[in-house]
Amino acid sequence: MKTKKLFPLEKLISTIAISACVGFVAPLAVNAIPVAQAASAVTGLPDFTELVEKTGPAVVNIRTTEKMQQAQGMNGMEDEQMQEFFRRFFGMPIPKQAPVPKGRKQAPQQEEEVPRGVGSGFIISQDGYVLTNAHVIDGATDVYVKLTDKREFKAKVIGSDKRTDVAVLKIEGTKLPKLTIGDSDKIKAGEWVIAIGSPFDLDNTVTAGIISAKARDTGDYLPLIQTDVAVNPGNSGGPLINMRGEVVGINSQIYSRSGGYMGISFAIPIDEAMRVADQLKGTGKVTRGRIGVQIGEVSKDVADSIGLQKAQGALVVRIEAGTPAEKAGLQDGDVILKFNGQAVEKSTDLPRIVGATKPGSKATMTVWRKGAIREMTITVAEMEQDKVAQKSEKKAKKEQTNFLGLAVGDLSDAQKKELPAGGVVIESADGAAAAAGLLQGDIILTLNNVDVKDAKQFTSMVAKLDSKKTAVVLVRRENISQFIPIKPQAK
């Protein structure tokens, strides 16, 4: 559904240029507007000093760390350090060490906390809630928040939502500054805004620009704010602030060929971010509705051919079995024009409207079918949850991971309807399972030709396996099933 290559600010990945831009300078027209008249439209450039003094203290620097196991080399030096030592002073790699004799213990593994990344965030309440991007804290063992007054706190991850790239942290402190939340629906193209953050770990860097566009379709669940404010790696999670000192967005993405700023940046609208944050604060997760359809865009040619007055709505191209869409009587080729009274102008509107609908509630649909309008009622189901609270996620993995390297969970209600025979979904794959090519999200249907019903049965089956023999699993991935052998790894 995405048509542009966008990526989080922290990932310095070059992208292929979509098109080349060619500019020209037009000659001065005979009837050009006089300079004095044109200047009257611009009363002066804004002074941001008071705005920065007011909002800057509530913007924080976020650094993350990760704990890694490191083997000790000779004389207590790590293997990597020893390799570098030999390269620098002897011009050769470290000699291969002889295998450890039988009965002698290998060098001990040490757990070391290493820097993982930096980003930005901002305090939204005096009791210490902080907003940032989900990708800033993704995979981190520990998260630290530093204020402009040099105070630093170890933050608790309340939850994160990858679909909207929003995360909520909590710090414990006194006299904490906070930012005022604005209304992103009221912003206008051409309006002045500033960004404050930590690009390249440079704390409280201020940049300014204007809003270029209000609603760019770059994601399934929210339209982003496009600006020309300079943001770079490290700005992720920082606030986009209007001239009234209100947060209107969270800086999240850039479009770039090189990974650095090239004049286009994107921010998450604060209205949507706060809706997500409220759910994360309340339950640690985000609940969304789903109806079980795959959709496509309605082009002008399609609209003309089916009798629609204009190109609008979401074209139903596939209906999942056993879902609310099938039960409501939707058919392939239907065009959904309205959902719960909200107009669906383009196909990307539908997932956002449905996602914001409370699961279990009844909704109305206005559908175009074979040249006529139909009104339909549908009961919205719940979308399968993302893993959001990192602490509980890691605890679950620790409890469930087995010698195959698999952590599994039970199927969602929607998956159970699609796969009545049962199965388990892979939550993480390490070790032998990862080497075999198994991925998070794969569904295991059988283990050594025995049907898998649920996670509890699967755990019991794995416990009875011979750890020295290859196990074979039947795996379903994207509606395709295949047998994958998991070979034991040498210890």
Protein backbone atom coordinates (compact mmCIF):
# COMPACT_ATOMS: atom_id res chain seq x y z
CA MET A 1 0.00 0.00 0.00
CA LYS A 2 2.97 2.29 0.61
CA THR A 3 4.27 4.04 -2.46
CA LYS A 4 7.28 5.88 -1.08
CA LYS A 5 10.42 4.60 0.60
CA LEU A 6 10.43 6.09 4.05
CA PHE A 7 12.37 4.99 7.09
CA PRO A 8 12.92 5.93 10.73
CA LEU A 9 15.53 8.63 11.25
CA GLU A 10 17.94 6.37 13.12
CA LYS A 11 18.42 3.94 10.23
CA LEU A 12 21.13 5.31 7.93
CA ILE A 13 20.10 3.33 4.85
CA SER A 14 20.46 4.78 1.36
CA THR A 15 17.37 4.57 -0.82
CA ILE A 16 16.99 4.57 -4.56
CA ALA A 17 15.90 7.96 -5.90
CA ILE A 18 12.33 7.87 -7.13
CA SER A 19 12.76 10.69 -9.60
CA ALA A 20 15.11 13.50 -10.56
CA CYS A 21 14.12 17.09 -9.97
CA VAL A 22 14.82 19.65 -12.71
CA GLY A 23 14.46 23.35 -11.93
CA PHE A 24 14.56 26.52 -13.94
CA VAL A 25 14.51 30.22 -13.37
CA ALA A 26 11.68 32.01 -15.14
CA PRO A 27 12.40 35.37 -16.79
CA LEU A 28 10.89 38.42 -15.13
CA ALA A 29 7.40 38.96 -16.52
CA VAL A 30 6.42 42.40 -17.82
CA ASN A 31 3.42 42.52 -15.50
CA ALA A 32 5.28 41.18 -12.46
CA ILE A 33 4.02 42.22 -9.03
CA PRO A 34 6.03 45.18 -7.73
CA VAL A 35 8.52 44.32 -5.00
CA ALA A 36 6.87 46.66 -2.49
CA GLN A 37 3.45 45.11 -3.12
CA ALA A 38 4.78 41.55 -2.79
CA ALA A 39 6.61 42.43 0.40
CA SER A 40 3.42 43.66 2.00
CA ALA A 41 2.21 40.06 2.19
CA VAL A 42 5.17 39.19 4.46
CA THR A 43 5.24 41.15 7.68
CA GLY A 44 8.50 39.69 8.97
CA LEU A 45 10.17 36.46 9.98
CA PRO A 46 9.31 35.00 13.37
CA ASP A 47 11.56 35.16 16.42
CA PHE A 48 11.71 31.71 18.05
CA THR A 49 13.74 32.61 21.15
CA GLU A 50 10.87 32.86 23.64
CA LEU A 51 9.22 29.77 22.17
CA VAL A 52 12.40 27.72 22.62
CA GLU A 53 12.94 28.99 26.18
CA LYS A 54 9.36 28.00 27.04
CA THR A 55 9.28 24.53 25.45
CA GLY A 56 12.93 23.38 25.43
CA PRO A 57 13.15 22.14 29.05
CA ALA A 58 10.41 19.54 28.46
CA VAL A 59 12.25 17.96 25.50
CA VAL A 60 14.43 15.03 26.54
CA ASN A 61 17.33 13.03 25.17
CA ILE A 62 16.74 9.28 25.10
CA ARG A 63 19.55 6.76 25.03
CA THR A 64 19.12 3.01 25.00
CA THR A 65 21.40 0.15 25.93
CA GLU A 66 21.46 -3.56 25.26
CA LYS A 67 23.00 -6.33 27.33
CA MET A 68 25.21 -8.66 25.32
CA GLN A 69 27.14 -11.79 26.20
CA GLN A 70 30.87 -11.38 25.62
CA ALA A 71 33.43 -14.17 25.84
CA GLN A 72 36.72 -13.30 27.55
CA GLY A 73 39.93 -13.65 25.59
CA MET A 74 43.47 -13.98 26.94
CA ASN A 75 44.48 -11.67 29.81
CA GLY A 76 40.87 -10.69 30.29
CA MET A 77 40.67 -8.88 26.95
CA GLU A 78 37.61 -9.42 24.77
CA ASP A 79 38.10 -11.30 21.52
CA GLU A 80 37.30 -8.24 19.41
CA GLN A 81 39.82 -6.11 21.29
CA MET A 82 42.46 -8.80 20.91
CA GLN A 83 41.78 -9.00 17.16
CA GLU A 84 42.29 -5.23 16.88
CA PHE A 85 45.49 -5.45 18.96
CA PHE A 86 47.04 -7.99 16.59
CA ARG A 87 45.94 -6.06 13.48
CA ARG A 88 47.45 -2.79 14.67
CA PHE A 89 50.76 -3.97 16.05
CA PHE A 90 51.51 -7.13 14.08
CA GLY A 91 49.58 -6.57 10.83
CA MET A 92 47.96 -9.96 11.13
CA PRO A 93 44.85 -11.51 12.65
CA ILE A 94 44.99 -13.21 16.03
CA PRO A 95 46.29 -16.78 15.82
CA LYS A 96 43.67 -19.44 16.05
CA GLN A 97 43.38 -20.74 19.57
CA ALA A 98 43.65 -24.43 20.20
CA PRO A 99 40.42 -26.19 21.12
CA VAL A 100 39.66 -26.38 24.81
CA PRO A 101 40.81 -29.77 26.15
CA LYS A 102 38.10 -32.12 27.32
CA GLY A 103 37.25 -31.54 30.93
CA ARG A 104 38.49 -27.94 30.99
CA LYS A 105 35.94 -25.15 31.15
CA GLN A 106 35.72 -22.56 28.40
CA ALA A 107 36.35 -18.89 29.11
CA PRO A 108 33.41 -17.45 31.05
CA GLN A 109 30.75 -15.41 29.33
CA GLN A 110 30.30 -11.91 30.68
CA GLU A 111 27.17 -9.81 30.28
CA GLU A 112 28.03 -6.29 29.19
CA GLU A 113 25.75 -3.31 28.73
CA VAL A 114 26.54 -1.62 25.42
CA PRO A 115 25.08 1.55 23.85
CA ARG A 116 22.35 0.80 21.34
CA GLY A 117 20.99 4.11 20.05
CA VAL A 118 19.87 7.65 20.79
CA GLY A 119 16.68 9.53 20.14
CA SER A 120 14.42 12.23 21.48
CA GLY A 121 11.17 12.54 23.38
CA PHE A 122 9.10 14.99 25.39
CA ILE A 123 7.31 15.05 28.72
CA ILE A 124 3.51 15.27 28.47
CA SER A 125 2.58 15.26 32.18
CA GLN A 126 4.16 16.38 35.43
CA ASP A 127 3.92 12.85 36.81
CA GLY A 128 6.56 11.78 34.30
CA TYR A 129 4.94 10.32 31.18
CA VAL A 130 7.15 10.71 28.10
CA LEU A 131 6.22 10.29 24.43
CA THR A 132 8.69 9.06 21.82
CA ASN A 133 8.83 6.78 18.77
CA ALA A 134 8.43 3.02 19.09
CA HIS A 135 11.49 2.47 16.89
CA VAL A 136 13.65 4.52 19.28
CA ILE A 137 13.23 2.02 22.13
CA ASP A 138 12.61 -1.14 20.08
CA GLY A 139 14.86 -3.99 21.23
CA ALA A 140 16.47 -2.03 24.06
CA THR A 141 17.28 -3.67 27.39
CA ASP A 142 17.29 -0.37 29.30
CA VAL A 143 16.09 3.13 28.41
CA TYR A 144 17.50 6.33 29.94
CA VAL A 145 15.92 9.78 29.78
CA LYS A 146 18.06 12.93 30.25
CA LEU A 147 16.63 16.41 30.83
CA THR A 148 18.19 19.74 29.93
CA ASP A 149 18.94 20.35 33.63
CA LYS A 150 21.30 17.32 33.45
CA ARG A 151 19.03 15.03 35.48
CA GLU A 152 18.92 11.50 34.11
CA PHE A 153 16.34 8.82 34.87
CA LYS A 154 16.04 5.15 34.05
CA ALA A 155 12.68 4.94 32.28
CA LYS A 156 10.02 2.27 32.42
CA VAL A 157 8.53 1.29 29.07
CA ILE A 158 4.76 1.48 29.52
CA GLY A 159 4.08 0.24 25.99
CA SER A 160 4.69 0.81 22.32
CA ASP A 161 2.68 0.54 19.12
CA LYS A 162 4.63 -0.27 15.98
CA ARG A 163 1.74 0.43 13.65
CA THR A 164 1.75 4.12 14.58
CA ASP A 165 5.37 4.23 15.83
CA VAL A 166 4.34 5.65 19.21
CA ALA A 167 5.81 4.66 22.59
CA VAL A 168 5.09 5.79 26.15
CA LEU A 169 7.77 5.88 28.87
CA LYS A 170 7.50 6.72 32.57
CA ILE A 171 10.10 8.43 34.75
CA GLU A 172 9.96 9.23 38.45
CA GLY A 173 10.99 12.79 39.27
CA THR A 174 9.88 16.06 40.84
CA LYS A 175 9.24 19.48 39.31
CA LEU A 176 9.18 18.00 35.83
CA PRO A 177 8.44 20.41 32.95
CA LYS A 178 5.81 19.40 30.40
CA LEU A 179 4.62 20.43 26.96
CA THR A 180 1.12 21.56 26.03
CA ILE A 181 -0.69 19.28 23.60
CA GLY A 182 -2.15 21.05 20.57
CA ASP A 183 -4.71 20.11 17.92
CA SER A 184 -3.19 18.64 14.76
CA ASP A 185 -6.54 18.90 12.95
CA LYS A 186 -6.25 22.70 13.03
CA ILE A 187 -2.78 23.03 11.49
CA LYS A 188 -2.44 24.62 8.05
CA ALA A 189 0.03 24.22 5.22
CA GLY A 190 2.48 27.11 5.34
CA GLU A 191 2.29 27.45 9.12
CA TRP A 192 5.60 27.96 10.96
CA VAL A 193 6.75 25.12 13.23
CA ILE A 194 9.92 24.15 15.05
CA ALA A 195 11.51 20.82 15.96
CA ILE A 196 13.60 20.26 19.08
CA GLY A 197 15.60 17.09 19.52
CA SER A 198 19.00 15.42 19.64
CA PRO A 199 20.25 14.92 16.07
CA PHE A 200 23.51 12.96 16.15
CA ASP A 201 23.22 13.10 19.98
CA LEU A 202 23.45 16.92 20.04
CA ASP A 203 20.99 17.74 22.84
CA ASN A 204 18.29 20.38 22.43
CA THR A 205 19.01 21.29 18.84
CA VAL A 206 16.37 23.63 17.40
CA THR A 207 15.38 23.76 13.73
CA ALA A 208 12.51 25.61 12.07
CA GLY A 209 10.41 25.45 8.93
CA ILE A 210 6.84 25.26 7.71
CA ILE A 211 4.18 22.61 7.33
CA SER A 212 4.35 21.45 3.72
CA ALA A 213 1.24 19.24 3.72
CA LYS A 214 -1.22 18.00 6.33
CA ALA A 215 -2.04 14.42 5.40
CA ARG A 216 0.49 12.34 3.51
CA ASP A 217 -0.54 8.71 3.07
CA THR A 218 2.61 6.94 4.23
CA GLY A 219 1.08 4.39 6.58
CA ASP A 220 -1.95 2.18 7.02
CA TYR A 221 -3.20 3.76 10.19
CA LEU A 222 -2.41 7.45 10.08
CA PRO A 223 -1.66 10.20 7.57
CA LEU A 224 1.58 11.99 8.46
CA ILE A 225 2.37 15.70 8.59
CA GLN A 226 4.96 16.71 5.98
CA THR A 227 7.33 19.57 6.84
CA ASP A 228 10.57 21.10 5.60
CA VAL A 229 11.97 21.30 9.14
CA ALA A 230 15.50 19.88 9.26
CA VAL A 231 15.52 16.61 11.20
CA ASN A 232 18.25 13.98 11.27
CA PRO A 233 19.12 10.71 13.04
CA GLY A 234 18.50 11.34 16.73
CA ASN A 235 15.52 13.66 16.15
CA SER A 236 13.14 10.69 16.18
CA GLY A 237 10.55 11.02 18.91
CA GLY A 238 11.03 14.75 19.40
CA PRO A 239 8.16 17.25 19.25
CA LEU A 240 6.96 19.33 16.33
CA ILE A 241 5.81 22.59 17.93
CA ASN A 242 3.62 25.40 16.58
CA MET A 243 4.06 29.12 17.27
CA ARG A 244 1.76 28.90 20.29
CA GLY A 245 4.11 26.46 21.99
CA GLU A 246 1.83 23.47 21.45
CA VAL A 247 2.92 20.04 20.25
CA VAL A 248 1.23 19.19 16.95
CA GLY A 249 3.30 16.15 15.98
CA ILE A 250 6.06 13.67 16.81
CA ASN A 251 9.00 13.75 14.37
CA SER A 252 9.28 10.24 13.01
CA GLN A 253 10.51 9.77 9.42
CA ILE A 254 12.46 11.35 6.60
CA TYR A 255 12.58 10.78 2.87
CA SER A 256 16.19 10.56 1.80
CA ARG A 257 18.61 9.00 -0.64
CA SER A 258 21.48 9.00 1.83
CA GLY A 259 19.86 8.66 5.25
CA GLY A 260 20.38 12.33 6.07
CA TYR A 261 18.00 15.27 5.79
CA MET A 262 17.11 16.25 2.22
CA GLY A 263 14.32 18.76 2.76
CA ILE A 264 11.38 16.46 3.54
CA SER A 265 10.45 15.15 6.97
CA PHE A 266 7.33 13.60 8.47
CA ALA A 267 5.65 13.79 11.86
CA ILE A 268 2.91 11.74 13.52
CA PRO A 269 -0.18 13.93 14.17
CA ILE A 270 -0.41 14.52 17.91
CA ASP A 271 -4.16 13.79 17.98
CA GLU A 272 -3.55 10.22 16.83
CA ALA A 273 -0.45 9.86 19.02
CA MET A 274 -2.40 10.86 22.14
CA ARG A 275 -5.21 8.39 21.34
CA VAL A 276 -2.59 5.66 21.18
CA ALA A 277 -0.80 6.95 24.29
CA ASP A 278 -4.03 6.93 26.32
CA GLN A 279 -4.61 3.27 25.48
CA LEU A 280 -1.01 2.35 26.26
CA LYS A 281 -1.19 4.14 29.61
CA GLY A 282 -4.47 2.42 30.45
CA THR A 283 -3.86 -1.15 29.33
CA GLY A 284 -0.33 -1.34 27.90
CA LYS A 285 -1.73 -2.19 24.48
CA VAL A 286 -3.70 -0.68 21.60
CA THR A 287 -7.03 -2.23 20.59
CA ARG A 288 -8.16 -1.85 16.97
CA GLY A 289 -11.10 -3.04 14.96
CA ARG A 290 -10.99 -5.18 11.83
CA ILE A 291 -13.56 -6.52 9.38
CA GLY A 292 -11.45 -8.96 7.33
CA VAL A 293 -11.17 -7.50 3.83
CA GLN A 294 -8.34 -6.73 1.46
CA ILE A 295 -8.95 -3.52 -0.45
CA GLY A 296 -7.76 -1.64 -3.49
CA GLU A 297 -7.98 1.88 -4.87
CA VAL A 298 -10.91 2.96 -7.05
CA SER A 299 -9.41 4.59 -10.13
CA LYS A 300 -11.30 6.96 -12.41
CA ASP A 301 -11.57 4.28 -15.08
CA VAL A 302 -13.03 1.81 -12.57
CA ALA A 303 -15.45 4.42 -11.24
CA ASP A 304 -16.66 5.21 -14.75
CA SER A 305 -17.09 1.56 -15.61
CA ILE A 306 -19.21 0.73 -12.54
CA GLY A 307 -21.29 3.89 -12.62
CA LEU A 308 -19.78 5.87 -9.73
CA GLN A 309 -19.89 9.63 -10.22
CA LYS A 310 -16.31 10.04 -9.01
CA ALA A 311 -13.32 7.94 -7.98
CA GLN A 312 -13.91 7.31 -4.30
CA GLY A 313 -14.25 4.56 -1.73
CA ALA A 314 -12.40 1.30 -1.06
CA LEU A 315 -12.72 -1.56 -3.55
CA VAL A 316 -13.14 -4.98 -1.90
CA VAL A 317 -10.72 -7.37 -3.65
CA ARG A 318 -10.71 -10.27 -1.17
CA ILE A 319 -12.80 -11.35 1.81
CA GLU A 320 -11.26 -13.51 4.52
CA ALA A 321 -13.25 -16.59 5.47
CA GLY A 322 -15.14 -16.49 8.74
CA THR A 323 -14.64 -12.75 9.25
CA PRO A 324 -17.22 -10.02 9.93
CA ALA A 325 -17.06 -9.02 6.26
CA GLU A 326 -18.17 -12.48 5.12
CA LYS A 327 -20.90 -12.66 7.75
CA ALA A 328 -22.20 -9.21 6.80
CA GLY A 329 -22.56 -10.29 3.16
CA LEU A 330 -19.82 -8.20 1.55
CA GLN A 331 -18.74 -9.44 -1.88
CA ASP A 332 -15.69 -9.07 -4.07
CA GLY A 333 -16.13 -6.01 -6.24
CA ASP A 334 -18.14 -4.05 -3.66
CA VAL A 335 -17.04 -0.47 -3.07
CA ILE A 336 -17.31 0.75 0.51
CA LEU A 337 -18.26 4.44 0.35
CA LYS A 338 -19.00 5.12 4.02
CA PHE A 339 -18.22 3.36 7.28
CA ASN A 340 -20.18 4.35 10.38
CA GLY A 341 -21.20 7.57 8.67
CA GLN A 342 -17.64 8.60 7.78
CA ALA A 343 -16.88 9.06 4.10
CA VAL A 344 -14.21 6.82 2.57
CA GLU A 345 -12.66 9.14 0.02
CA LYS A 346 -9.75 6.83 -0.76
CA SER A 347 -8.91 3.24 0.11
CA THR A 348 -6.40 4.18 2.80
CA ASP A 349 -9.16 5.87 4.79
CA LEU A 350 -10.95 2.58 5.51
CA PRO A 351 -8.28 0.86 7.69
CA ARG A 352 -7.99 4.00 9.81
CA ILE A 353 -11.75 4.34 10.31
CA VAL A 354 -12.25 0.64 11.03
CA GLY A 355 -9.18 0.54 13.28
CA ALA A 356 -10.60 3.35 15.40
CA THR A 357 -13.92 1.50 15.83
CA LYS A 358 -14.42 -0.37 19.09
CA PRO A 359 -14.24 -4.15 18.63
CA GLY A 360 -17.58 -5.85 19.28
CA SER A 361 -19.61 -2.82 18.24
CA LYS A 362 -22.00 -2.76 15.30
CA ALA A 363 -21.23 -0.40 12.43
CA THR A 364 -23.09 0.68 9.31
CA MET A 365 -21.65 0.56 5.81
CA THR A 366 -22.72 2.30 2.63
CA VAL A 367 -21.75 0.02 -0.26
CA TRP A 368 -21.90 0.44 -4.03
CA ARG A 369 -22.79 -2.85 -5.73
CA LYS A 370 -23.84 -3.34 -9.35
CA GLY A 371 -24.93 0.22 -9.88
CA ALA A 372 -26.90 0.65 -6.66
CA ILE A 373 -26.37 1.83 -3.09
CA ARG A 374 -26.79 -0.71 -0.30
CA GLU A 375 -26.85 -0.10 3.46
CA MET A 376 -25.31 -2.91 5.48
CA THR A 377 -24.58 -3.64 9.15
CA ILE A 378 -21.40 -5.29 10.36
CA THR A 379 -20.04 -6.34 13.76
CA VAL A 380 -16.42 -5.23 14.09
CA ALA A 381 -13.88 -7.79 15.33
CA GLU A 382 -10.62 -7.13 17.17
CA MET A 383 -7.33 -6.95 15.33
CA GLU A 384 -4.56 -9.20 16.57
CA GLN A 385 -2.40 -7.34 19.06
CA ASP A 386 1.15 -6.17 18.50
CA LYS A 387 3.57 -7.01 21.26
CA VAL A 388 3.80 -3.74 23.15
CA ALA A 389 5.10 -3.96 26.69
CA GLN A 390 8.72 -5.00 26.33
CA LYS A 391 9.15 -6.15 29.90
CA SER A 392 6.29 -8.63 29.77
CA GLU A 393 7.26 -9.69 26.24
CA LYS A 394 10.78 -10.63 27.29
CA LYS A 395 9.46 -12.45 30.34
CA ALA A 396 7.16 -14.50 28.12
CA LYS A 397 9.98 -15.39 25.77
CA LYS A 398 12.17 -16.47 28.65
CA GLU A 399 9.47 -18.78 29.98
CA GLN A 400 8.52 -20.33 26.63
CA THR A 401 11.79 -20.58 24.66
CA ASN A 402 12.85 -24.25 24.28
CA PHE A 403 15.99 -25.99 23.06
CA LEU A 404 14.79 -25.59 19.46
CA GLY A 405 15.02 -21.84 19.99
CA LEU A 406 11.27 -21.33 19.67
CA ALA A 407 8.88 -19.27 21.76
CA VAL A 408 5.28 -19.85 20.70
CA GLY A 409 1.81 -18.65 21.60
CA ASP A 410 -1.76 -19.67 20.91
CA LEU A 411 -3.55 -18.58 17.74
CA SER A 412 -5.74 -15.50 17.75
CA ASP A 413 -9.50 -15.93 17.42
CA ALA A 414 -9.31 -14.96 13.75
CA GLN A 415 -6.52 -17.49 13.12
CA LYS A 416 -8.45 -20.23 14.92
CA LYS A 417 -11.41 -19.66 12.59
CA GLU A 418 -9.11 -19.89 9.58
CA LEU A 419 -7.27 -22.94 10.99
CA PRO A 420 -9.82 -25.00 12.94
CA ALA A 421 -7.36 -27.91 13.25
CA GLY A 422 -5.17 -25.75 15.49
CA GLY A 423 -1.55 -24.68 15.55
CA VAL A 424 0.77 -22.23 17.34
CA VAL A 425 2.21 -18.91 16.23
CA ILE A 426 5.96 -18.28 16.56
CA GLU A 427 6.67 -15.30 18.84
CA SER A 428 10.45 -15.55 18.52
CA ALA A 429 12.91 -17.82 16.73
CA ASP A 430 16.54 -18.15 17.83
CA GLY A 431 19.27 -20.72 17.66
CA ALA A 432 18.40 -23.83 15.65
CA ALA A 433 14.98 -22.50 14.65
CA ALA A 434 16.44 -19.27 13.27
CA ALA A 435 19.14 -21.23 11.41
CA ALA A 436 16.38 -23.32 9.81
CA GLY A 437 14.72 -20.16 8.50
CA LEU A 438 11.73 -19.95 10.84
CA LEU A 439 10.39 -16.43 11.41
CA GLN A 440 8.30 -14.57 13.94
CA GLY A 441 4.65 -14.83 12.85
CA ASP A 442 4.99 -18.25 11.19
CA ILE A 443 2.33 -20.76 12.24
CA ILE A 444 3.42 -24.31 13.19
CA LEU A 445 0.77 -26.88 12.20
CA THR A 446 2.56 -30.16 12.97
CA LEU A 447 5.66 -31.35 14.79
CA ASN A 448 7.17 -34.61 13.50
CA ASN A 449 3.88 -35.29 11.65
CA VAL A 450 1.77 -34.89 14.81
CA ASP A 451 -0.89 -32.17 14.79
CA VAL A 452 -0.18 -29.21 17.06
CA LYS A 453 -3.29 -28.00 18.91
CA ASP A 454 -2.01 -25.21 21.17
CA ALA A 455 1.06 -23.78 22.91
CA LYS A 456 0.74 -25.99 26.00
CA GLN A 457 0.64 -29.19 23.91
CA PHE A 458 3.54 -27.97 21.75
CA THR A 459 5.70 -27.33 24.83
CA SER A 460 4.94 -30.84 26.09
CA MET A 461 5.79 -32.36 22.68
CA VAL A 462 9.13 -30.52 22.48
CA ALA A 463 10.07 -31.67 25.98
CA LYS A 464 9.84 -35.29 24.79
CA LEU A 465 12.06 -34.77 21.72
CA ASP A 466 15.60 -36.12 21.40
CA SER A 467 17.75 -32.96 21.35
CA LYS A 468 20.30 -34.74 19.14
CA LYS A 469 17.84 -35.55 16.34
CA THR A 470 16.35 -33.34 13.63
CA ALA A 471 12.76 -32.24 14.20
CA VAL A 472 10.42 -31.49 11.29
CA VAL A 473 7.67 -28.89 11.49
CA LEU A 474 4.92 -28.08 9.01
CA VAL A 475 4.86 -24.29 8.83
CA ARG A 476 2.26 -21.97 7.30
CA ARG A 477 3.53 -18.60 6.06
CA GLU A 478 1.41 -16.20 4.00
CA ASN A 479 -1.13 -18.93 3.11
CA ILE A 480 1.62 -21.31 1.95
CA SER A 481 2.53 -24.42 3.98
CA GLN A 482 5.88 -26.22 3.85
CA PHE A 483 7.91 -28.72 5.87
CA ILE A 484 11.03 -27.28 7.53
CA PRO A 485 13.62 -29.47 9.31
CA ILE A 486 15.20 -28.05 12.46
CA LYS A 487 18.66 -29.53 12.90
CA PRO A 488 20.28 -29.67 16.35
CA GLN A 489 23.11 -27.18 16.81
CA ALA A 490 26.52 -28.27 17.96
CA LYS A 491 27.26 -27.26 21.55
